[in-house]
Amino acid sequence: MLDAVPRRMSGWGCHPVVQGYEIAGEDLEAITRTVVLTRGLGRSYGDAGLPPPGSQPVAVSTRADRLIAFDPATGILRAEAGLSLAALNRAFLRRGWFPPSSPGTQFVTLGGLVAADVHGKSHHSEGTFGEHVTALKMRVGDGRVLEVREESEPELFRATLGGMGLTGHILEVEFRMRRIPSPWIWAESERFEDLDGLIAGLAEASVSWPYTVAWMDLLGTGGARGRGILERGRWAEPSEAPARNPSVKHSLSVPITCPDWLLSRRLVTPLNAVRYWLQGPKVKRGIVHPESFFYPLDALGNWNRLYGSRGFTQYQGVLPWRSGACAYERVLGVVDCLEAVPLLCVIKDFSREGKGTLSFPKPGLSIVFDMPISVGHTQAVVDALNDVVAGEGGRVYLAKDALTRAEHFRAMEPRLEHWLTVRRKWDRRGAIRSAMSVRLFGDPP
């Protein structure tokens, strides 16, 4: 039996909020017949998982979460698109398997991993999730249900990787898991006094460590601006790891939506300083729980409530390596000049472009940070940041975006026209669309 539930919907950033209908059921193939979009756990930050204006129905995939097949000889796994990464980890981590290219939360479905073509701390060593996908079962816009492989339908396959669910409803995903020596992580962390040192440390670590990421203090002043902490990790060998399996961590939860003024510059600036100085001058190393290493924010449930009733946006852009330090300084200059309040800030290095037609990564440095929504102000900050990123030949990540203008996205994306052509080939009536596709691609509401 299908449930059609009217409700107000938003992404994880709680901005924007729209009215729509969610239709949930175990038979994802059936419930995608009459909807405009398929939605998973709602962890895209902006409007990519929201219906277009007009209270349109969306399918919710989370009840379609069955494992279909797994071949331990090849590591190839097939499952329904609503299976969450958390459930996959619970089933396979202790058996010596881990998914490739894990993002910063495990509360995401397999369909979401494909639609966003996610990247993680291993992008420099493993690429995006789409690099490891071997087949998709999809309902395309003309109603047909197809088995889609790169060998049979290369354009549709690649357009779906990073296509934000707009090339078809993803019903099943087949991909290659990776064998790991133990379910524990050997990790190191080291602090750097300035942005140049942090970027150099990140580049050096990426040569020999499969997992790297850096936290950066964007609220530091003077010489402290851009200082940060580099984290690097690898799977621990059995001789290094505890004999027991990691237990599932239980998280605390933010019980209410906090006041809009809570995460202010006045509060976060000293917290950043404390985090930096607690690291200490020496390298810290040792065994780390995999959830703490890959998904630190998952330890606090409903953490998006900390940003208040107006919500927040997470800006993520990538600047090509050729841009150099002067482009990174221009990004920091926008933040300072417009008095933005960037909170959590992370940088990663990308090694190559994904095979997905609209995949986000390209060789360069990715910078991502949260900003509480300030009416009239946050849009100006995003516009100014996009001026820099587009001018340098960079791009923004659609899974995080809520405020990029269509003209900025077109300036960043020379691949867009080809992607739109492929999309129209399989959906001539425009049956599949979202609030994001109305905003960026001119789809009708």
Protein backbone atom coordinates (compact mmCIF):
# COMPACT_ATOMS: atom_id res chain seq x y z
CA MET A 1 0.00 0.00 0.00
CA LEU A 2 1.33 3.44 -0.91
CA ASP A 3 1.36 6.36 1.49
CA ALA A 4 0.89 9.86 0.04
CA VAL A 5 1.81 12.39 2.70
CA PRO A 6 1.52 16.18 2.25
CA ARG A 7 4.34 17.95 4.03
CA ARG A 8 6.74 20.86 4.05
CA MET A 9 10.11 19.70 2.72
CA SER A 10 13.64 21.03 2.79
CA GLY A 11 17.17 19.80 2.31
CA TRP A 12 19.60 19.39 5.17
CA GLY A 13 20.28 23.13 5.20
CA CYS A 14 16.59 23.82 5.94
CA HIS A 15 16.56 26.40 3.13
CA PRO A 16 14.49 26.67 1.02
CA VAL A 17 11.31 25.07 2.36
CA VAL A 18 8.61 23.94 -0.09
CA GLN A 19 5.23 22.26 0.02
CA GLY A 20 4.89 18.86 -1.63
CA TYR A 21 3.81 15.24 -1.31
CA GLU A 22 5.95 12.26 -0.41
CA ILE A 23 4.94 8.83 -1.69
CA ALA A 24 6.72 5.97 0.08
CA GLY A 25 6.65 2.25 -0.53
CA GLU A 26 8.80 -0.86 -0.85
CA ASP A 27 8.15 -1.17 -4.59
CA LEU A 28 10.20 1.74 -5.93
CA GLU A 29 9.51 0.75 -9.52
CA ALA A 30 5.78 1.15 -8.91
CA ILE A 31 5.82 4.44 -7.01
CA THR A 32 8.03 6.21 -9.55
CA ARG A 33 5.36 5.97 -12.26
CA THR A 34 3.61 9.23 -11.33
CA VAL A 35 6.17 11.40 -9.51
CA VAL A 36 8.49 14.20 -10.62
CA LEU A 37 11.51 13.17 -8.55
CA THR A 38 12.91 10.47 -6.28
CA ARG A 39 14.19 11.54 -2.88
CA GLY A 40 16.27 9.55 -0.38
CA LEU A 41 17.22 10.62 3.15
CA GLY A 42 17.14 14.33 2.34
CA ARG A 43 20.84 14.99 3.00
CA SER A 44 21.52 17.16 -0.04
CA TYR A 45 21.86 20.60 1.49
CA GLY A 46 19.86 22.80 -0.86
CA ASP A 47 16.97 22.23 -3.27
CA ALA A 48 18.26 19.30 -5.37
CA GLY A 49 15.96 16.84 -3.56
CA LEU A 50 12.91 19.11 -3.55
CA PRO A 51 9.98 19.11 -6.00
CA PRO A 52 9.36 22.10 -8.27
CA PRO A 53 6.77 24.70 -7.19
CA GLY A 54 3.16 23.49 -7.23
CA SER A 55 3.03 20.76 -4.55
CA GLN A 56 4.35 18.07 -6.88
CA PRO A 57 4.64 14.46 -5.59
CA VAL A 58 8.07 12.90 -5.00
CA ALA A 59 8.93 9.26 -4.35
CA VAL A 60 10.82 8.43 -1.15
CA SER A 61 13.17 5.52 -1.73
CA THR A 62 14.09 4.56 1.83
CA ARG A 63 11.69 1.60 2.12
CA ALA A 64 13.26 0.07 -1.01
CA ASP A 65 16.44 -0.96 0.80
CA ARG A 66 17.04 -4.64 0.06
CA LEU A 67 20.38 -6.23 -0.77
CA ILE A 68 20.04 -8.15 -4.02
CA ALA A 69 23.41 -9.83 -4.62
CA PHE A 70 27.04 -9.78 -3.52
CA ASP A 71 29.99 -11.58 -5.10
CA PRO A 72 32.92 -11.85 -2.64
CA ALA A 73 35.25 -12.89 -5.48
CA THR A 74 34.87 -9.55 -7.25
CA GLY A 75 33.41 -7.30 -4.53
CA ILE A 76 30.47 -6.41 -6.78
CA LEU A 77 27.31 -5.64 -4.81
CA ARG A 78 23.81 -4.92 -6.09
CA ALA A 79 21.09 -3.38 -3.96
CA GLU A 80 17.95 -1.28 -4.17
CA ALA A 81 18.57 2.45 -4.38
CA GLY A 82 17.04 3.20 -0.97
CA LEU A 83 19.65 1.21 0.98
CA SER A 84 21.55 3.58 3.26
CA LEU A 85 25.31 3.74 3.61
CA ALA A 86 24.85 3.24 7.37
CA ALA A 87 23.05 -0.07 6.80
CA LEU A 88 25.66 -1.13 4.26
CA ASN A 89 28.46 -0.41 6.73
CA ARG A 90 26.73 -2.34 9.51
CA ALA A 91 26.43 -5.38 7.25
CA PHE A 92 29.86 -5.34 5.58
CA LEU A 93 32.46 -3.49 7.64
CA ARG A 94 33.00 -6.32 10.09
CA ARG A 95 33.19 -8.73 7.14
CA GLY A 96 36.15 -6.86 5.69
CA TRP A 97 34.46 -4.70 3.04
CA PHE A 98 33.92 -0.95 2.68
CA PRO A 99 32.27 1.13 -0.06
CA PRO A 100 34.49 3.30 -2.26
CA SER A 101 34.51 7.07 -2.00
CA SER A 102 32.50 7.49 1.18
CA PRO A 103 31.11 11.01 1.79
CA GLY A 104 31.07 12.86 5.12
CA THR A 105 27.82 11.26 6.32
CA GLN A 106 26.62 7.68 6.25
CA PHE A 107 22.98 8.83 6.26
CA VAL A 108 22.72 8.80 2.48
CA THR A 109 21.18 6.24 0.12
CA LEU A 110 22.88 4.41 -2.72
CA GLY A 111 20.70 6.38 -5.13
CA GLY A 112 21.95 9.59 -3.54
CA LEU A 113 25.58 8.46 -3.84
CA VAL A 114 25.06 8.03 -7.59
CA ALA A 115 22.94 11.15 -8.15
CA ALA A 116 25.55 13.39 -6.49
CA ASP A 117 28.50 11.25 -7.67
CA VAL A 118 29.90 11.77 -4.19
CA HIS A 119 33.54 12.22 -3.32
CA GLY A 120 35.27 11.79 0.00
CA LYS A 121 38.64 11.83 1.73
CA SER A 122 39.91 9.32 -0.83
CA HIS A 123 39.21 11.26 -4.01
CA HIS A 124 42.90 11.63 -4.81
CA SER A 125 43.33 7.84 -4.56
CA GLU A 126 39.96 6.36 -5.58
CA GLY A 127 38.03 9.03 -7.47
CA THR A 128 34.30 9.56 -7.12
CA PHE A 129 31.71 6.91 -6.26
CA GLY A 130 30.67 6.77 -9.90
CA GLU A 131 34.10 5.40 -10.88
CA HIS A 132 33.09 2.17 -9.15
CA VAL A 133 29.49 1.85 -10.41
CA THR A 134 29.01 -0.98 -12.91
CA ALA A 135 25.25 -0.88 -13.60
CA LEU A 136 22.04 1.00 -12.80
CA LYS A 137 18.40 0.05 -13.03
CA MET A 138 16.42 3.17 -13.91
CA ARG A 139 12.98 4.41 -14.85
CA VAL A 140 13.64 7.07 -17.47
CA GLY A 141 11.40 10.03 -18.27
CA ASP A 142 9.41 8.28 -21.01
CA GLY A 143 8.34 5.61 -18.48
CA ARG A 144 10.58 2.74 -19.54
CA VAL A 145 12.54 0.73 -16.96
CA LEU A 146 16.06 0.01 -18.24
CA GLU A 147 19.25 -1.74 -17.21
CA VAL A 148 21.89 0.92 -17.87
CA ARG A 149 25.58 0.16 -18.21
CA GLU A 150 28.41 2.22 -19.61
CA GLU A 151 28.89 -0.38 -22.34
CA SER A 152 25.25 -0.29 -23.50
CA GLU A 153 24.16 3.33 -22.90
CA PRO A 154 27.32 5.33 -22.24
CA GLU A 155 25.76 8.80 -22.52
CA LEU A 156 22.85 8.07 -20.18
CA PHE A 157 25.10 6.22 -17.74
CA ARG A 158 27.57 9.11 -17.49
CA ALA A 159 24.85 11.77 -17.40
CA THR A 160 23.27 9.98 -14.41
CA LEU A 161 26.51 10.06 -12.38
CA GLY A 162 26.26 13.48 -10.76
CA GLY A 163 23.00 14.25 -12.62
CA MET A 164 21.14 14.91 -9.34
CA GLY A 165 18.38 12.41 -10.18
CA LEU A 166 17.24 14.36 -13.25
CA THR A 167 18.06 11.78 -15.94
CA GLY A 168 15.80 9.10 -14.45
CA HIS A 169 14.61 7.49 -11.23
CA ILE A 170 17.42 5.28 -9.90
CA LEU A 171 15.90 1.96 -8.77
CA GLU A 172 18.92 -0.29 -8.22
CA VAL A 173 22.67 0.28 -8.01
CA GLU A 174 25.48 -2.17 -8.77
CA PHE A 175 29.00 -1.19 -7.73
CA ARG A 176 32.32 -2.60 -6.60
CA MET A 177 33.11 -2.70 -2.87
CA ARG A 178 36.73 -2.68 -1.69
CA ARG A 179 38.41 -5.26 0.54
CA ILE A 180 39.96 -3.84 3.74
CA PRO A 181 42.50 -5.49 6.08
CA SER A 182 40.63 -4.54 9.28
CA PRO A 183 37.60 -2.42 10.25
CA TRP A 184 39.76 0.15 12.08
CA ILE A 185 41.56 3.28 10.87
CA TRP A 186 45.16 4.27 11.59
CA ALA A 187 45.06 8.08 11.60
CA GLU A 188 47.38 11.02 12.10
CA SER A 189 46.60 14.70 12.67
CA GLU A 190 48.93 17.69 12.45
CA ARG A 191 48.40 21.42 12.75
CA PHE A 192 49.72 24.09 10.37
CA GLU A 193 50.12 27.77 11.16
CA ASP A 194 48.94 29.24 7.85
CA LEU A 195 47.08 28.49 4.62
CA ASP A 196 50.19 27.94 2.49
CA GLY A 197 51.56 25.38 4.92
CA LEU A 198 48.19 23.64 5.22
CA ILE A 199 47.79 23.29 1.44
CA ALA A 200 51.37 22.07 1.04
CA GLY A 201 50.85 19.53 3.83
CA LEU A 202 47.65 18.29 2.20
CA ALA A 203 49.40 17.82 -1.15
CA GLU A 204 52.30 15.97 0.44
CA ALA A 205 50.04 13.66 2.45
CA SER A 206 48.01 12.75 -0.63
CA VAL A 207 51.06 11.16 -2.24
CA SER A 208 51.23 8.32 0.30
CA TRP A 209 47.98 8.35 2.32
CA PRO A 210 44.69 7.06 0.83
CA TYR A 211 42.53 9.34 3.02
CA THR A 212 43.26 13.03 3.59
CA VAL A 213 41.30 16.13 4.59
CA ALA A 214 42.03 19.42 6.33
CA TRP A 215 40.01 21.63 8.66
CA MET A 216 40.70 25.35 8.20
CA ASP A 217 40.00 28.26 10.53
CA LEU A 218 38.39 30.90 8.30
CA LEU A 219 37.61 33.16 11.26
CA GLY A 220 41.19 33.62 12.43
CA THR A 221 42.59 37.12 12.03
CA GLY A 222 45.95 38.33 10.76
CA GLY A 223 48.49 35.53 10.47
CA ALA A 224 46.03 33.07 12.01
CA ARG A 225 43.64 33.22 9.06
CA GLY A 226 43.81 29.96 7.13
CA ARG A 227 45.59 27.99 9.83
CA GLY A 228 44.27 24.49 10.30
CA ILE A 229 44.61 20.82 11.07
CA LEU A 230 45.46 18.13 8.53
CA GLU A 231 44.05 14.62 8.98
CA ARG A 232 45.40 11.60 7.12
CA GLY A 233 44.47 7.97 7.47
CA ARG A 234 44.58 4.42 6.15
CA TRP A 235 43.00 1.11 7.08
CA ALA A 236 44.88 -0.45 9.99
CA GLU A 237 46.63 -3.76 9.47
CA PRO A 238 45.40 -6.69 11.62
CA SER A 239 48.57 -6.49 13.72
CA GLU A 240 47.79 -2.84 14.56
CA ALA A 241 44.03 -3.09 15.08
CA PRO A 242 42.01 -4.17 18.11
CA ALA A 243 40.80 -7.77 17.92
CA ARG A 244 37.17 -6.72 18.41
CA ASN A 245 34.93 -5.15 15.78
CA PRO A 246 34.01 -1.46 16.15
CA SER A 247 30.70 -1.00 17.92
CA VAL A 248 27.97 1.13 16.37
CA LYS A 249 28.28 4.59 17.88
CA HIS A 250 25.22 6.11 19.54
CA SER A 251 24.77 9.80 18.88
CA LEU A 252 23.35 12.63 20.91
CA SER A 253 20.79 14.81 19.20
CA VAL A 254 19.98 18.52 19.11
CA PRO A 255 16.43 18.48 20.50
CA ILE A 256 15.17 21.87 19.27
CA THR A 257 15.79 24.48 16.60
CA CYS A 258 18.26 26.87 18.22
CA PRO A 259 18.04 30.68 18.18
CA ASP A 260 19.31 32.27 14.97
CA TRP A 261 22.05 34.14 16.86
CA LEU A 262 23.63 31.05 18.45
CA LEU A 263 26.30 30.27 15.83
CA SER A 264 27.66 33.77 15.57
CA ARG A 265 31.20 34.92 14.78
CA ARG A 266 31.56 35.94 18.43
CA LEU A 267 30.95 32.35 19.60
CA VAL A 268 32.61 30.33 16.83
CA THR A 269 35.86 32.33 16.65
CA PRO A 270 37.05 31.26 20.13
CA LEU A 271 35.80 27.70 19.55
CA ASN A 272 37.97 27.50 16.42
CA ALA A 273 40.95 28.77 18.41
CA VAL A 274 40.37 26.13 21.08
CA ARG A 275 40.19 23.38 18.45
CA TYR A 276 43.44 24.56 16.90
CA TRP A 277 45.38 24.80 20.15
CA LEU A 278 44.06 21.50 21.54
CA GLN A 279 45.71 19.76 18.61
CA GLY A 280 49.08 20.79 20.03
CA PRO A 281 52.35 21.20 18.15
CA LYS A 282 53.08 17.47 17.85
CA VAL A 283 51.62 14.99 15.38
CA LYS A 284 48.92 12.85 16.98
CA ARG A 285 48.60 9.28 15.72
CA GLY A 286 46.79 6.10 16.62
CA ILE A 287 43.82 3.81 16.02
CA VAL A 288 40.52 5.59 15.35
CA HIS A 289 36.96 4.28 15.11
CA PRO A 290 35.89 4.35 11.44
CA GLU A 291 32.72 6.34 12.20
CA SER A 292 34.75 8.99 14.02
CA PHE A 293 37.14 9.25 11.08
CA PHE A 294 34.71 9.22 8.15
CA TYR A 295 31.53 10.65 9.71
CA PRO A 296 32.41 12.95 12.65
CA LEU A 297 29.28 15.09 12.29
CA ASP A 298 27.02 12.03 12.49
CA ALA A 299 27.89 11.89 16.20
CA LEU A 300 25.43 14.77 16.72
CA GLY A 301 21.97 14.03 15.40
CA ASN A 302 19.94 16.88 13.87
CA TRP A 303 22.99 19.16 14.03
CA ASN A 304 21.41 21.32 11.32
CA ARG A 305 19.10 22.70 14.04
CA LEU A 306 22.07 24.58 15.49
CA TYR A 307 21.81 27.12 12.67
CA GLY A 308 18.38 28.40 13.69
CA SER A 309 15.03 28.77 11.98
CA ARG A 310 16.42 30.46 8.84
CA GLY A 311 18.70 27.50 8.14
CA PHE A 312 22.09 27.58 6.45
CA THR A 313 23.81 27.00 3.15
CA GLN A 314 26.98 25.04 2.57
CA TYR A 315 29.13 26.51 -0.16
CA GLN A 316 31.51 24.14 -1.93
CA GLY A 317 33.62 25.11 -4.89
CA VAL A 318 36.73 23.72 -6.53
CA LEU A 319 39.53 25.92 -7.90
CA PRO A 320 41.94 24.44 -10.48
CA TRP A 321 45.52 23.98 -9.32
CA ARG A 322 46.69 26.51 -11.92
CA SER A 323 44.76 29.21 -10.00
CA GLY A 324 47.37 29.18 -7.24
CA ALA A 325 47.40 30.77 -3.81
CA CYS A 326 46.18 34.14 -5.09
CA ALA A 327 42.76 32.64 -5.99
CA TYR A 328 42.40 31.05 -2.55
CA GLU A 329 43.21 34.43 -1.02
CA ARG A 330 40.50 36.03 -3.18
CA VAL A 331 37.96 33.58 -1.74
CA LEU A 332 39.05 34.52 1.78
CA GLY A 333 38.90 38.16 0.74
CA VAL A 334 35.23 37.81 -0.28
CA VAL A 335 34.46 36.27 3.11
CA ASP A 336 36.17 39.16 4.92
CA CYS A 337 34.91 41.98 2.71
CA LEU A 338 31.26 40.91 2.87
CA GLU A 339 31.50 40.01 6.57
CA ALA A 340 30.26 36.48 6.00
CA VAL A 341 30.21 34.09 8.94
CA PRO A 342 31.81 30.89 7.59
CA LEU A 343 31.65 28.22 10.25
CA LEU A 344 32.82 24.65 9.61
CA CYS A 345 35.44 24.87 6.81
CA VAL A 346 37.10 21.90 5.11
CA ILE A 347 39.54 21.66 2.20
CA LYS A 348 40.38 18.63 0.05
CA ASP A 349 42.58 18.06 -2.96
CA PHE A 350 41.07 16.56 -6.10
CA SER A 351 43.17 14.52 -8.49
CA ARG A 352 40.99 13.99 -11.56
CA GLU A 353 37.63 14.68 -13.10
CA GLY A 354 34.91 12.08 -12.66
CA LYS A 355 33.43 10.26 -15.65
CA GLY A 356 29.98 11.69 -14.87
CA THR A 357 28.99 14.41 -17.33
CA LEU A 358 28.23 16.85 -14.49
CA SER A 359 30.45 15.31 -11.79
CA PHE A 360 31.73 18.02 -9.49
CA PRO A 361 35.43 17.19 -8.90
CA LYS A 362 38.22 18.36 -11.17
CA PRO A 363 41.96 18.59 -10.48
CA GLY A 364 42.33 21.32 -7.89
CA LEU A 365 41.56 22.39 -4.36
CA SER A 366 38.04 22.10 -2.96
CA ILE A 367 36.92 24.46 -0.21
CA VAL A 368 33.63 24.02 1.63
CA PHE A 369 32.10 25.97 4.50
CA ASP A 370 28.75 26.55 6.19
CA MET A 371 27.05 29.94 6.41
CA PRO A 372 23.87 30.70 8.37
CA ILE A 373 21.20 32.19 6.11
CA SER A 374 20.98 35.95 6.47
CA VAL A 375 18.15 37.38 4.38
CA GLY A 376 19.50 39.45 1.50
CA HIS A 377 23.13 39.03 2.60
CA THR A 378 23.96 35.36 2.00
CA GLN A 379 22.90 35.58 -1.65
CA ALA A 380 25.39 38.44 -2.16
CA VAL A 381 28.16 36.36 -0.59
CA VAL A 382 27.41 33.37 -2.85
CA ASP A 383 27.27 35.64 -5.92
CA ALA A 384 30.68 37.12 -5.09
CA LEU A 385 32.20 33.68 -4.42
CA ASN A 386 30.79 32.40 -7.71
CA ASP A 387 32.35 35.36 -9.54
CA VAL A 388 35.75 34.18 -8.28
CA VAL A 389 35.18 30.47 -8.91
CA ALA A 390 33.72 30.96 -12.40
CA GLY A 391 36.48 33.39 -13.31
CA GLU A 392 39.13 30.84 -12.35
CA GLY A 393 37.52 27.99 -14.30
CA GLY A 394 36.18 26.27 -11.20
CA ARG A 395 32.71 24.98 -10.38
CA VAL A 396 30.27 24.45 -7.49
CA TYR A 397 28.84 21.23 -6.07
CA LEU A 398 25.14 20.85 -6.85
CA ALA A 399 24.52 18.55 -3.86
CA LYS A 400 25.37 21.45 -1.54
CA ASP A 401 24.04 24.38 -3.55
CA ALA A 402 20.89 26.41 -2.87
CA LEU A 403 21.71 29.90 -4.11
CA THR A 404 23.81 29.77 -7.29
CA ARG A 405 22.25 31.70 -10.17
CA ALA A 406 21.67 30.09 -13.58
CA GLU A 407 24.07 32.47 -15.32
CA HIS A 408 26.87 31.64 -12.91
CA PHE A 409 26.37 27.90 -13.31
CA ARG A 410 26.41 28.16 -17.11
CA ALA A 411 29.63 30.16 -16.93
CA MET A 412 31.19 27.37 -14.84
CA GLU A 413 29.90 24.42 -16.84
CA PRO A 414 30.96 24.00 -20.48
CA ARG A 415 29.60 20.42 -20.18
CA LEU A 416 26.05 21.58 -19.43
CA GLU A 417 24.68 21.74 -22.98
CA HIS A 418 25.77 18.17 -23.72
CA TRP A 419 24.19 16.99 -20.45
CA LEU A 420 20.93 18.78 -21.27
CA THR A 421 20.89 17.18 -24.73
CA VAL A 422 21.28 13.69 -23.25
CA ARG A 423 18.62 14.43 -20.64
CA ARG A 424 16.12 15.57 -23.29
CA LYS A 425 16.77 12.43 -25.34
CA TRP A 426 15.43 10.27 -22.51
CA ASP A 427 12.81 12.68 -21.14
CA ARG A 428 11.33 14.75 -23.97
CA ARG A 429 8.29 15.79 -21.90
CA GLY A 430 10.32 17.03 -18.92
CA ALA A 431 8.58 14.59 -16.58
CA ILE A 432 11.49 14.51 -14.12
CA ARG A 433 12.45 17.82 -12.55
CA SER A 434 13.20 19.47 -9.24
CA ALA A 435 13.27 22.86 -7.57
CA MET A 436 16.96 22.99 -8.46
CA SER A 437 16.34 22.25 -12.16
CA VAL A 438 13.77 25.06 -12.27
CA ARG A 439 16.28 27.45 -10.69
CA LEU A 440 19.34 26.49 -12.73
CA PHE A 441 18.13 24.93 -15.99
CA GLY A 442 14.92 26.82 -16.71
CA ASP A 443 12.58 23.84 -16.28
CA PRO A 444 8.89 24.72 -15.98
CA PRO A 445 7.45 24.59 -12.46
